[in-house]
Amino acid sequence: MAEKIIMLACSAGMSTSLLVSKMQAAAKADGVDYKIFATSSADIDHQLGSDEKPDVLLLGPQIRYMANDVKKKTDKAGIPMDIINMSDYGMMNGENVLKTAEKLLGDA
């Protein structure tokens, strides 16, 4: 079973799929076992209320306008949240985005 669950959210959950693959490769190279997945912004509420809720949520930069509303929900659920750095997102830098998640988790 994965140590931690990292959720990425974007408009439809599609553009973050490649980033998830890059993050999984970076995690494997670092010898850590995370469940990393992407979902749509419409699915955030469902995921936060699920039995396997994420340990951290990263928002795609294209939905940064939702950050305040999502932050209220993640605070209530006790889950750290941040917005993915636009440069890291554009370059699909899975290693840097993984480091951001780990900092939020307190693992870095």
PDB file of N, CA and C in Angstrom:
ATOM      1  N   MET A   1       0.833  -1.184   0.000  1.00  0.00           N
ATOM      2  CA  MET A   1       0.000   0.000   0.000  1.00  0.00           C
ATOM      3  C   MET A   1       0.879   1.249   0.000  1.00  0.00           C
ATOM      4  N   ALA A   2       0.438   2.273  -0.710  1.00  0.00           N
ATOM      5  CA  ALA A   2       1.209   3.504  -0.849  1.00  0.00           C
ATOM      6  C   ALA A   2       1.327   4.231   0.482  1.00  0.00           C
ATOM      7  N   GLU A   3       2.490   4.859   0.684  1.00  0.00           N
ATOM      8  CA  GLU A   3       2.725   5.637   1.895  1.00  0.00           C
ATOM      9  C   GLU A   3       1.762   6.807   2.000  1.00  0.00           C
ATOM     10  N   LYS A   4       1.668   7.586   0.936  1.00  0.00           N
ATOM     11  CA  LYS A   4       0.852   8.794   0.907  1.00  0.00           C
ATOM     12  C   LYS A   4       0.101   8.865  -0.408  1.00  0.00           C
ATOM     13  N   ILE A   5      -0.988   9.635  -0.405  1.00  0.00           N
ATOM     14  CA  ILE A   5      -1.781   9.826  -1.614  1.00  0.00           C
ATOM     15  C   ILE A   5      -1.680  11.292  -2.027  1.00  0.00           C
ATOM     16  N   ILE A   6      -1.230  11.512  -3.252  1.00  0.00           N
ATOM     17  CA  ILE A   6      -1.079  12.852  -3.804  1.00  0.00           C
ATOM     18  C   ILE A   6      -2.088  13.009  -4.936  1.00  0.00           C
ATOM     19  N   MET A   7      -2.947  14.019  -4.812  1.00  0.00           N
ATOM     20  CA  MET A   7      -3.966  14.270  -5.835  1.00  0.00           C
ATOM     21  C   MET A   7      -3.648  15.563  -6.558  1.00  0.00           C
ATOM     22  N   LEU A   8      -3.693  15.513  -7.877  1.00  0.00           N
ATOM     23  CA  LEU A   8      -3.578  16.695  -8.713  1.00  0.00           C
ATOM     24  C   LEU A   8      -4.944  16.957  -9.315  1.00  0.00           C
ATOM     25  N   ALA A   9      -5.334  18.199  -9.389  1.00  0.00           N
ATOM     26  CA  ALA A   9      -6.624  18.539  -9.977  1.00  0.00           C
ATOM     27  C   ALA A   9      -6.435  19.635 -11.019  1.00  0.00           C
ATOM     28  N   CYS A  10      -7.110  19.472 -12.143  1.00  0.00           N
ATOM     29  CA  CYS A  10      -7.113  20.500 -13.178  1.00  0.00           C
ATOM     30  C   CYS A  10      -8.526  20.563 -13.750  1.00  0.00           C
ATOM     31  N   SER A  11      -8.696  21.293 -14.809  1.00  0.00           N
ATOM     32  CA  SER A  11     -10.035  21.494 -15.360  1.00  0.00           C
ATOM     33  C   SER A  11     -10.754  20.176 -15.626  1.00  0.00           C
ATOM     34  N   ALA A  12     -10.114  19.302 -16.396  1.00  0.00           N
ATOM     35  CA  ALA A  12     -10.754  18.036 -16.732  1.00  0.00           C
ATOM     36  C   ALA A  12      -9.998  16.820 -16.213  1.00  0.00           C
ATOM     37  N   GLY A  13      -8.823  17.028 -15.644  1.00  0.00           N
ATOM     38  CA  GLY A  13      -8.022  15.904 -15.164  1.00  0.00           C
ATOM     39  C   GLY A  13      -7.157  15.290 -16.236  1.00  0.00           C
ATOM     40  N   MET A  14      -7.228  15.821 -17.433  1.00  0.00           N
ATOM     41  CA  MET A  14      -6.483  15.229 -18.544  1.00  0.00           C
ATOM     42  C   MET A  14      -5.072  15.802 -18.663  1.00  0.00           C
ATOM     43  N   SER A  15      -4.938  17.120 -18.545  1.00  0.00           N
ATOM     44  CA  SER A  15      -3.625  17.731 -18.764  1.00  0.00           C
ATOM     45  C   SER A  15      -2.635  17.362 -17.670  1.00  0.00           C
ATOM     46  N   THR A  16      -3.116  16.934 -16.524  1.00  0.00           N
ATOM     47  CA  THR A  16      -2.208  16.552 -15.442  1.00  0.00           C
ATOM     48  C   THR A  16      -1.790  15.081 -15.524  1.00  0.00           C
ATOM     49  N   SER A  17      -2.378  14.329 -16.424  1.00  0.00           N
ATOM     50  CA  SER A  17      -2.060  12.897 -16.522  1.00  0.00           C
ATOM     51  C   SER A  17      -0.597  12.647 -16.839  1.00  0.00           C
ATOM     52  N   LEU A  18      -0.032  13.400 -17.766  1.00  0.00           N
ATOM     53  CA  LEU A  18       1.381  13.243 -18.100  1.00  0.00           C
ATOM     54  C   LEU A  18       2.247  13.635 -16.903  1.00  0.00           C
ATOM     55  N   LEU A  19       1.851  14.686 -16.211  1.00  0.00           N
ATOM     56  CA  LEU A  19       2.601  15.120 -15.031  1.00  0.00           C
ATOM     57  C   LEU A  19       2.580  14.037 -13.955  1.00  0.00           C
ATOM     58  N   VAL A  20       1.457  13.359 -13.796  1.00  0.00           N
ATOM     59  CA  VAL A  20       1.367  12.243 -12.842  1.00  0.00           C
ATOM     60  C   VAL A  20       2.400  11.178 -13.192  1.00  0.00           C
ATOM     61  N   SER A  21       2.507  10.830 -14.468  1.00  0.00           N
ATOM     62  CA  SER A  21       3.485   9.822 -14.900  1.00  0.00           C
ATOM     63  C   SER A  21       4.905  10.257 -14.560  1.00  0.00           C
ATOM     64  N   LYS A  22       5.202  11.529 -14.779  1.00  0.00           N
ATOM     65  CA  LYS A  22       6.541  12.057 -14.480  1.00  0.00           C
ATOM     66  C   LYS A  22       6.793  12.045 -12.967  1.00  0.00           C
ATOM     67  N   MET A  23       5.782  12.371 -12.190  1.00  0.00           N
ATOM     68  CA  MET A  23       5.915  12.342 -10.735  1.00  0.00           C
ATOM     69  C   MET A  23       6.120  10.924 -10.229  1.00  0.00           C
ATOM     70  N   GLN A  24       5.391   9.964 -10.801  1.00  0.00           N
ATOM     71  CA  GLN A  24       5.534   8.569 -10.399  1.00  0.00           C
ATOM     72  C   GLN A  24       6.945   8.063 -10.700  1.00  0.00           C
ATOM     73  N   ALA A  25       7.489   8.467 -11.842  1.00  0.00           N
ATOM     74  CA  ALA A  25       8.851   8.076 -12.196  1.00  0.00           C
ATOM     75  C   ALA A  25       9.850   8.684 -11.211  1.00  0.00           C
ATOM     76  N   ALA A  26       9.639   9.947 -10.837  1.00  0.00           N
ATOM     77  CA  ALA A  26      10.529  10.610  -9.879  1.00  0.00           C
ATOM     78  C   ALA A  26      10.440   9.938  -8.511  1.00  0.00           C
ATOM     79  N   ALA A  27       9.235   9.576  -8.100  1.00  0.00           N
ATOM     80  CA  ALA A  27       9.049   8.904  -6.806  1.00  0.00           C
ATOM     81  C   ALA A  27       9.742   7.543  -6.806  1.00  0.00           C
ATOM     82  N   LYS A  28       9.582   6.818  -7.899  1.00  0.00           N
ATOM     83  CA  LYS A  28      10.221   5.501  -8.008  1.00  0.00           C
ATOM     84  C   LYS A  28      11.744   5.641  -7.937  1.00  0.00           C
ATOM     85  N   ALA A  29      12.281   6.652  -8.629  1.00  0.00           N
ATOM     86  CA  ALA A  29      13.725   6.883  -8.616  1.00  0.00           C
ATOM     87  C   ALA A  29      14.208   7.240  -7.210  1.00  0.00           C
ATOM     88  N   ASP A  30      13.351   7.897  -6.438  1.00  0.00           N
ATOM     89  CA  ASP A  30      13.690   8.267  -5.057  1.00  0.00           C
ATOM     90  C   ASP A  30      13.411   7.139  -4.067  1.00  0.00           C
ATOM     91  N   GLY A  31      12.813   6.055  -4.546  1.00  0.00           N
ATOM     92  CA  GLY A  31      12.533   4.908  -3.692  1.00  0.00           C
ATOM     93  C   GLY A  31      11.366   5.110  -2.743  1.00  0.00           C
ATOM     94  N   VAL A  32      10.425   5.984  -3.122  1.00  0.00           N
ATOM     95  CA  VAL A  32       9.248   6.196  -2.284  1.00  0.00           C
ATOM     96  C   VAL A  32       8.006   5.689  -2.997  1.00  0.00           C
ATOM     97  N   ASP A  33       7.038   5.287  -2.207  1.00  0.00           N
ATOM     98  CA  ASP A  33       5.816   4.699  -2.747  1.00  0.00           C
ATOM     99  C   ASP A  33       4.637   5.616  -2.463  1.00  0.00           C
ATOM    100  N   TYR A  34       4.242   6.375  -3.466  1.00  0.00           N
ATOM    101  CA  TYR A  34       3.089   7.261  -3.350  1.00  0.00           C
ATOM    102  C   TYR A  34       2.032   6.840  -4.359  1.00  0.00           C
ATOM    103  N   LYS A  35       0.788   7.017  -3.976  1.00  0.00           N
ATOM    104  CA  LYS A  35      -0.288   6.902  -4.955  1.00  0.00           C
ATOM    105  C   LYS A  35      -0.491   8.321  -5.471  1.00  0.00           C
ATOM    106  N   ILE A  36      -0.269   8.519  -6.748  1.00  0.00           N
ATOM    107  CA  ILE A  36      -0.392   9.839  -7.362  1.00  0.00           C
ATOM    108  C   ILE A  36      -1.424   9.723  -8.471  1.00  0.00           C
ATOM    109  N   PHE A  37      -2.429  10.604  -8.430  1.00  0.00           N
ATOM    110  CA  PHE A  37      -3.443  10.547  -9.474  1.00  0.00           C
ATOM    111  C   PHE A  37      -3.954  11.936  -9.809  1.00  0.00           C
ATOM    112  N   ALA A  38      -4.564  12.044 -10.978  1.00  0.00           N
ATOM    113  CA  ALA A  38      -5.135  13.299 -11.448  1.00  0.00           C
ATOM    114  C   ALA A  38      -6.647  13.153 -11.532  1.00  0.00           C
ATOM    115  N   THR A  39      -7.325  14.252 -11.269  1.00  0.00           N
ATOM    116  CA  THR A  39      -8.775  14.266 -11.361  1.00  0.00           C
ATOM    117  C   THR A  39      -9.229  15.637 -11.829  1.00  0.00           C
ATOM    118  N   SER A  40     -10.495  15.743 -12.132  1.00  0.00           N
ATOM    119  CA  SER A  40     -11.039  17.033 -12.560  1.00  0.00           C
ATOM    120  C   SER A  40     -11.393  17.882 -11.344  1.00  0.00           C
ATOM    121  N   SER A  41     -11.462  19.180 -11.555  1.00  0.00           N
ATOM    122  CA  SER A  41     -11.830  20.077 -10.463  1.00  0.00           C
ATOM    123  C   SER A  41     -13.231  19.751  -9.945  1.00  0.00           C
ATOM    124  N   ALA A  42     -14.088  19.238 -10.806  1.00  0.00           N
ATOM    125  CA  ALA A  42     -15.453  18.881 -10.401  1.00  0.00           C
ATOM    126  C   ALA A  42     -15.475  17.698  -9.439  1.00  0.00           C
ATOM    127  N   ASP A  43     -14.399  16.922  -9.388  1.00  0.00           N
ATOM    128  CA  ASP A  43     -14.335  15.721  -8.560  1.00  0.00           C
ATOM    129  C   ASP A  43     -13.657  15.963  -7.200  1.00  0.00           C
ATOM    130  N   ILE A  44     -13.193  17.185  -6.957  1.00  0.00           N
ATOM    131  CA  ILE A  44     -12.461  17.472  -5.721  1.00  0.00           C
ATOM    132  C   ILE A  44     -13.297  17.148  -4.488  1.00  0.00           C
ATOM    133  N   ASP A  45     -14.535  17.620  -4.433  1.00  0.00           N
ATOM    134  CA  ASP A  45     -15.382  17.385  -3.256  1.00  0.00           C
ATOM    135  C   ASP A  45     -15.545  15.890  -2.980  1.00  0.00           C
ATOM    136  N   HIS A  46     -15.789  15.123  -4.032  1.00  0.00           N
ATOM    137  CA  HIS A  46     -15.955  13.678  -3.883  1.00  0.00           C
ATOM    138  C   HIS A  46     -14.687  13.047  -3.303  1.00  0.00           C
ATOM    139  N   GLN A  47     -13.535  13.423  -3.851  1.00  0.00           N
ATOM    140  CA  GLN A  47     -12.266  12.836  -3.398  1.00  0.00           C
ATOM    141  C   GLN A  47     -11.965  13.204  -1.947  1.00  0.00           C
ATOM    142  N   LEU A  48     -12.269  14.444  -1.549  1.00  0.00           N
ATOM    143  CA  LEU A  48     -12.001  14.867  -0.177  1.00  0.00           C
ATOM    144  C   LEU A  48     -12.880  14.133   0.829  1.00  0.00           C
ATOM    145  N   GLY A  49     -14.026  13.649   0.376  1.00  0.00           N
ATOM    146  CA  GLY A  49     -14.935  12.932   1.257  1.00  0.00           C
ATOM    147  C   GLY A  49     -14.828  11.423   1.167  1.00  0.00           C
ATOM    148  N   SER A  50     -13.916  10.925   0.330  1.00  0.00           N
ATOM    149  CA  SER A  50     -13.826   9.480   0.130  1.00  0.00           C
ATOM    150  C   SER A  50     -13.053   8.806   1.258  1.00  0.00           C
ATOM    151  N   ASP A  51     -13.158   7.488   1.320  1.00  0.00           N
ATOM    152  CA  ASP A  51     -12.423   6.710   2.321  1.00  0.00           C
ATOM    153  C   ASP A  51     -10.918   6.812   2.117  1.00  0.00           C
ATOM    154  N   GLU A  52     -10.504   6.934   0.862  1.00  0.00           N
ATOM    155  CA  GLU A  52      -9.086   7.055   0.536  1.00  0.00           C
ATOM    156  C   GLU A  52      -8.777   8.482   0.131  1.00  0.00           C
ATOM    157  N   LYS A  53      -9.133   9.422   1.016  1.00  0.00           N
ATOM    158  CA  LYS A  53      -8.909  10.823   0.661  1.00  0.00           C
ATOM    159  C   LYS A  53      -7.411  11.100   0.546  1.00  0.00           C
ATOM    160  N   PRO A  54      -7.059  12.073  -0.295  1.00  0.00           N
ATOM    161  CA  PRO A  54      -5.633  12.364  -0.495  1.00  0.00           C
ATOM    162  C   PRO A  54      -4.994  12.955   0.753  1.00  0.00           C
ATOM    163  N   ASP A  55      -3.674  12.814   0.825  1.00  0.00           N
ATOM    164  CA  ASP A  55      -2.903  13.427   1.905  1.00  0.00           C
ATOM    165  C   ASP A  55      -2.473  14.833   1.531  1.00  0.00           C
ATOM    166  N   VAL A  56      -2.494  15.133   0.230  1.00  0.00           N
ATOM    167  CA  VAL A  56      -2.145  16.465  -0.270  1.00  0.00           C
ATOM    168  C   VAL A  56      -2.855  16.685  -1.604  1.00  0.00           C
ATOM    169  N   LEU A  57      -3.204  17.939  -1.874  1.00  0.00           N
ATOM    170  CA  LEU A  57      -3.868  18.301  -3.127  1.00  0.00           C
ATOM    171  C   LEU A  57      -3.083  19.413  -3.794  1.00  0.00           C
ATOM    172  N   LEU A  58      -2.760  19.207  -5.064  1.00  0.00           N
ATOM    173  CA  LEU A  58      -2.101  20.233  -5.864  1.00  0.00           C
ATOM    174  C   LEU A  58      -3.026  20.621  -7.008  1.00  0.00           C
ATOM    175  N   LEU A  59      -3.257  21.924  -7.145  1.00  0.00           N
ATOM    176  CA  LEU A  59      -4.117  22.425  -8.210  1.00  0.00           C
ATOM    177  C   LEU A  59      -3.285  22.818  -9.422  1.00  0.00           C
ATOM    178  N   GLY A  60      -3.791  22.494 -10.601  1.00  0.00           N
ATOM    179  CA  GLY A  60      -3.149  22.951 -11.827  1.00  0.00           C
ATOM    180  C   GLY A  60      -3.260  24.467 -11.917  1.00  0.00           C
ATOM    181  N   PRO A  61      -2.255  25.123 -12.498  1.00  0.00           N
ATOM    182  CA  PRO A  61      -2.270  26.587 -12.542  1.00  0.00           C
ATOM    183  C   PRO A  61      -3.458  27.167 -13.305  1.00  0.00           C
ATOM    184  N   GLN A  62      -4.053  26.391 -14.211  1.00  0.00           N
ATOM    185  CA  GLN A  62      -5.185  26.902 -14.970  1.00  0.00           C
ATOM    186  C   GLN A  62      -6.461  27.017 -14.130  1.00  0.00           C
ATOM    187  N   ILE A  63      -6.474  26.424 -12.930  1.00  0.00           N
ATOM    188  CA  ILE A  63      -7.643  26.574 -12.052  1.00  0.00           C
ATOM    189  C   ILE A  63      -7.264  27.286 -10.748  1.00  0.00           C
ATOM    190  N   ARG A  64      -6.222  28.082 -10.802  1.00  0.00           N
ATOM    191  CA  ARG A  64      -5.785  28.811  -9.608  1.00  0.00           C
ATOM    192  C   ARG A  64      -6.888  29.729  -9.087  1.00  0.00           C
ATOM    193  N   TYR A  65      -7.802  30.142  -9.966  1.00  0.00           N
ATOM    194  CA  TYR A  65      -8.922  30.994  -9.546  1.00  0.00           C
ATOM    195  C   TYR A  65      -9.815  30.296  -8.519  1.00  0.00           C
ATOM    196  N   MET A  66      -9.729  28.978  -8.429  1.00  0.00           N
ATOM    197  CA  MET A  66     -10.540  28.206  -7.481  1.00  0.00           C
ATOM    198  C   MET A  66      -9.848  28.020  -6.132  1.00  0.00           C
ATOM    199  N   ALA A  67      -8.608  28.484  -6.017  1.00  0.00           N
ATOM    200  CA  ALA A  67      -7.772  28.169  -4.854  1.00  0.00           C
ATOM    201  C   ALA A  67      -8.417  28.543  -3.519  1.00  0.00           C
ATOM    202  N   ASN A  68      -9.019  29.722  -3.417  1.00  0.00           N
ATOM    203  CA  ASN A  68      -9.594  30.133  -2.134  1.00  0.00           C
ATOM    204  C   ASN A  68     -10.725  29.204  -1.694  1.00  0.00           C
ATOM    205  N   ASP A  69     -11.611  28.864  -2.630  1.00  0.00           N
ATOM    206  CA  ASP A  69     -12.724  27.967  -2.288  1.00  0.00           C
ATOM    207  C   ASP A  69     -12.220  26.574  -1.940  1.00  0.00           C
ATOM    208  N   VAL A  70     -11.264  26.063  -2.715  1.00  0.00           N
ATOM    209  CA  VAL A  70     -10.727  24.723  -2.464  1.00  0.00           C
ATOM    210  C   VAL A  70      -9.961  24.711  -1.144  1.00  0.00           C
ATOM    211  N   LYS A  71      -9.227  25.784  -0.853  1.00  0.00           N
ATOM    212  CA  LYS A  71      -8.446  25.862   0.390  1.00  0.00           C
ATOM    213  C   LYS A  71      -9.354  25.732   1.609  1.00  0.00           C
ATOM    214  N   LYS A  72     -10.529  26.338   1.561  1.00  0.00           N
ATOM    215  CA  LYS A  72     -11.474  26.217   2.679  1.00  0.00           C
ATOM    216  C   LYS A  72     -11.860  24.753   2.884  1.00  0.00           C
ATOM    217  N   LYS A  73     -12.068  24.054   1.797  1.00  0.00           N
ATOM    218  CA  LYS A  73     -12.460  22.640   1.871  1.00  0.00           C
ATOM    219  C   LYS A  73     -11.315  21.764   2.367  1.00  0.00           C
ATOM    220  N   THR A  74     -10.096  22.029   1.868  1.00  0.00           N
ATOM    221  CA  THR A  74      -8.966  21.207   2.293  1.00  0.00           C
ATOM    222  C   THR A  74      -8.590  21.500   3.743  1.00  0.00           C
ATOM    223  N   ASP A  75      -8.725  22.751   4.149  1.00  0.00           N
ATOM    224  CA  ASP A  75      -8.474  23.086   5.561  1.00  0.00           C
ATOM    225  C   ASP A  75      -9.434  22.323   6.464  1.00  0.00           C
ATOM    226  N   LYS A  76     -10.689  22.281   6.064  1.00  0.00           N
ATOM    227  CA  LYS A  76     -11.708  21.569   6.846  1.00  0.00           C
ATOM    228  C   LYS A  76     -11.402  20.071   6.914  1.00  0.00           C
ATOM    229  N   ALA A  77     -10.844  19.538   5.816  1.00  0.00           N
ATOM    230  CA  ALA A  77     -10.510  18.112   5.754  1.00  0.00           C
ATOM    231  C   ALA A  77      -9.124  17.818   6.346  1.00  0.00           C
ATOM    232  N   GLY A  78      -8.372  18.871   6.688  1.00  0.00           N
ATOM    233  CA  GLY A  78      -7.041  18.673   7.253  1.00  0.00           C
ATOM    234  C   GLY A  78      -6.001  18.247   6.229  1.00  0.00           C
ATOM    235  N   ILE A  79      -6.166  18.723   5.003  1.00  0.00           N
ATOM    236  CA  ILE A  79      -5.279  18.334   3.907  1.00  0.00           C
ATOM    237  C   ILE A  79      -4.560  19.575   3.377  1.00  0.00           C
ATOM    238  N   PRO A  80      -3.229  19.533   3.290  1.00  0.00           N
ATOM    239  CA  PRO A  80      -2.524  20.677   2.712  1.00  0.00           C
ATOM    240  C   PRO A  80      -2.785  20.795   1.213  1.00  0.00           C
ATOM    241  N   MET A  81      -2.791  22.036   0.725  1.00  0.00           N
ATOM    242  CA  MET A  81      -3.071  22.298  -0.684  1.00  0.00           C
ATOM    243  C   MET A  81      -2.171  23.414  -1.182  1.00  0.00           C
ATOM    244  N   ASP A  82      -1.798  23.338  -2.444  1.00  0.00           N
ATOM    245  CA  ASP A  82      -1.041  24.411  -3.076  1.00  0.00           C
ATOM    246  C   ASP A  82      -1.337  24.383  -4.566  1.00  0.00           C
ATOM    247  N   ILE A  83      -0.853  25.414  -5.247  1.00  0.00           N
ATOM    248  CA  ILE A  83      -0.991  25.502  -6.698  1.00  0.00           C
ATOM    249  C   ILE A  83       0.338  25.079  -7.311  1.00  0.00           C
ATOM    250  N   ILE A  84       0.273  24.258  -8.332  1.00  0.00           N
ATOM    251  CA  ILE A  84       1.484  23.804  -9.012  1.00  0.00           C
ATOM    252  C   ILE A  84       2.145  25.004  -9.690  1.00  0.00           C
ATOM    253  N   ASN A  85       3.444  25.122  -9.514  1.00  0.00           N
ATOM    254  CA  ASN A  85       4.213  26.188 -10.156  1.00  0.00           C
ATOM    255  C   ASN A  85       3.996  26.126 -11.667  1.00  0.00           C
ATOM    256  N   MET A  86       3.663  27.278 -12.259  1.00  0.00           N
ATOM    257  CA  MET A  86       3.317  27.307 -13.681  1.00  0.00           C
ATOM    258  C   MET A  86       4.469  26.829 -14.569  1.00  0.00           C
ATOM    259  N   SER A  87       5.692  27.190 -14.222  1.00  0.00           N
ATOM    260  CA  SER A  87       6.847  26.765 -15.004  1.00  0.00           C
ATOM    261  C   SER A  87       7.039  25.245 -14.910  1.00  0.00           C
ATOM    262  N   ASP A  88       6.941  24.710 -13.690  1.00  0.00           N
ATOM    263  CA  ASP A  88       7.066  23.258 -13.513  1.00  0.00           C
ATOM    264  C   ASP A  88       5.954  22.531 -14.255  1.00  0.00           C
ATOM    265  N   TYR A  89       4.764  23.101 -14.233  1.00  0.00           N
ATOM    266  CA  TYR A  89       3.627  22.495 -14.925  1.00  0.00           C
ATOM    267  C   TYR A  89       3.865  22.505 -16.437  1.00  0.00           C
ATOM    268  N   GLY A  90       4.268  23.657 -16.953  1.00  0.00           N
ATOM    269  CA  GLY A  90       4.493  23.785 -18.390  1.00  0.00           C
ATOM    270  C   GLY A  90       5.600  22.875 -18.892  1.00  0.00           C
ATOM    271  N   MET A  91       6.625  22.692 -18.075  1.00  0.00           N
ATOM    272  CA  MET A  91       7.754  21.848 -18.456  1.00  0.00           C
ATOM    273  C   MET A  91       7.526  20.380 -18.067  1.00  0.00           C
ATOM    274  N   MET A  92       6.389  20.107 -17.422  1.00  0.00           N
ATOM    275  CA  MET A  92       6.068  18.766 -16.944  1.00  0.00           C
ATOM    276  C   MET A  92       7.203  18.228 -16.074  1.00  0.00           C
ATOM    277  N   ASN A  93       7.671  19.079 -15.153  1.00  0.00           N
ATOM    278  CA  ASN A  93       8.781  18.730 -14.271  1.00  0.00           C
ATOM    279  C   ASN A  93       8.238  17.963 -13.070  1.00  0.00           C
ATOM    280  N   GLY A  94       8.080  16.672 -13.241  1.00  0.00           N
ATOM    281  CA  GLY A  94       7.521  15.813 -12.201  1.00  0.00           C
ATOM    282  C   GLY A  94       8.333  15.813 -10.927  1.00  0.00           C
ATOM    283  N   GLU A  95       9.645  15.921 -11.054  1.00  0.00           N
ATOM    284  CA  GLU A  95      10.509  15.903  -9.873  1.00  0.00           C
ATOM    285  C   GLU A  95      10.247  17.127  -8.988  1.00  0.00           C
ATOM    286  N   ASN A  96      10.165  18.310  -9.598  1.00  0.00           N
ATOM    287  CA  ASN A  96       9.906  19.521  -8.811  1.00  0.00           C
ATOM    288  C   ASN A  96       8.513  19.518  -8.196  1.00  0.00           C
ATOM    289  N   VAL A  97       7.526  19.052  -8.951  1.00  0.00           N
ATOM    290  CA  VAL A  97       6.166  19.021  -8.431  1.00  0.00           C
ATOM    291  C   VAL A  97       6.078  18.013  -7.287  1.00  0.00           C
ATOM    292  N   LEU A  98       6.788  16.895  -7.411  1.00  0.00           N
ATOM    293  CA  LEU A  98       6.835  15.911  -6.325  1.00  0.00           C
ATOM    294  C   LEU A  98       7.465  16.535  -5.079  1.00  0.00           C
ATOM    295  N   LYS A  99       8.531  17.298  -5.253  1.00  0.00           N
ATOM    296  CA  LYS A  99       9.171  17.967  -4.119  1.00  0.00           C
ATOM    297  C   LYS A  99       8.205  18.944  -3.443  1.00  0.00           C
ATOM    298  N   THR A 100       7.404  19.642  -4.240  1.00  0.00           N
ATOM    299  CA  THR A 100       6.392  20.548  -3.672  1.00  0.00           C
ATOM    300  C   THR A 100       5.417  19.764  -2.806  1.00  0.00           C
ATOM    301  N   ALA A 101       4.950  18.635  -3.327  1.00  0.00           N
ATOM    302  CA  ALA A 101       4.011  17.799  -2.559  1.00  0.00           C
ATOM    303  C   ALA A 101       4.661  17.299  -1.281  1.00  0.00           C
ATOM    304  N   GLU A 102       5.904  16.867  -1.360  1.00  0.00           N
ATOM    305  CA  GLU A 102       6.599  16.351  -0.198  1.00  0.00           C
ATOM    306  C   GLU A 102       6.795  17.437   0.870  1.00  0.00           C
ATOM    307  N   LYS A 103       7.058  18.656   0.446  1.00  0.00           N
ATOM    308  CA  LYS A 103       7.179  19.762   1.407  1.00  0.00           C
ATOM    309  C   LYS A 103       5.860  19.975   2.136  1.00  0.00           C
ATOM    310  N   LEU A 104       4.772  19.906   1.398  1.00  0.00           N
ATOM    311  CA  LEU A 104       3.456  20.060   2.023  1.00  0.00           C
ATOM    312  C   LEU A 104       3.158  18.909   2.995  1.00  0.00           C
ATOM    313  N   LEU A 105       3.666  17.735   2.656  1.00  0.00           N
ATOM    314  CA  LEU A 105       3.467  16.569   3.509  1.00  0.00           C
ATOM    315  C   LEU A 105       4.403  16.570   4.710  1.00  0.00           C
ATOM    316  N   GLY A 106       5.426  17.402   4.637  1.00  0.00           N
ATOM    317  CA  GLY A 106       6.417  17.429   5.704  1.00  0.00           C
ATOM    318  C   GLY A 106       7.463  16.344   5.546  1.00  0.00           C
ATOM    319  N   ASP A 107       7.572  15.767   4.329  1.00  0.00           N
ATOM    320  CA  ASP A 107       8.516  14.672   4.084  1.00  0.00           C
ATOM    321  C   ASP A 107       9.837  15.167   3.507  1.00  0.00           C
ATOM    322  N   ALA A 108       9.943  16.470   3.259  1.00  0.00           N
ATOM    323  CA  ALA A 108      11.162  16.965   2.607  1.00  0.00           C
ATOM    324  C   ALA A 108      12.062  17.661   3.611  1.00  0.00           C
TER     325      ALA A 108
END
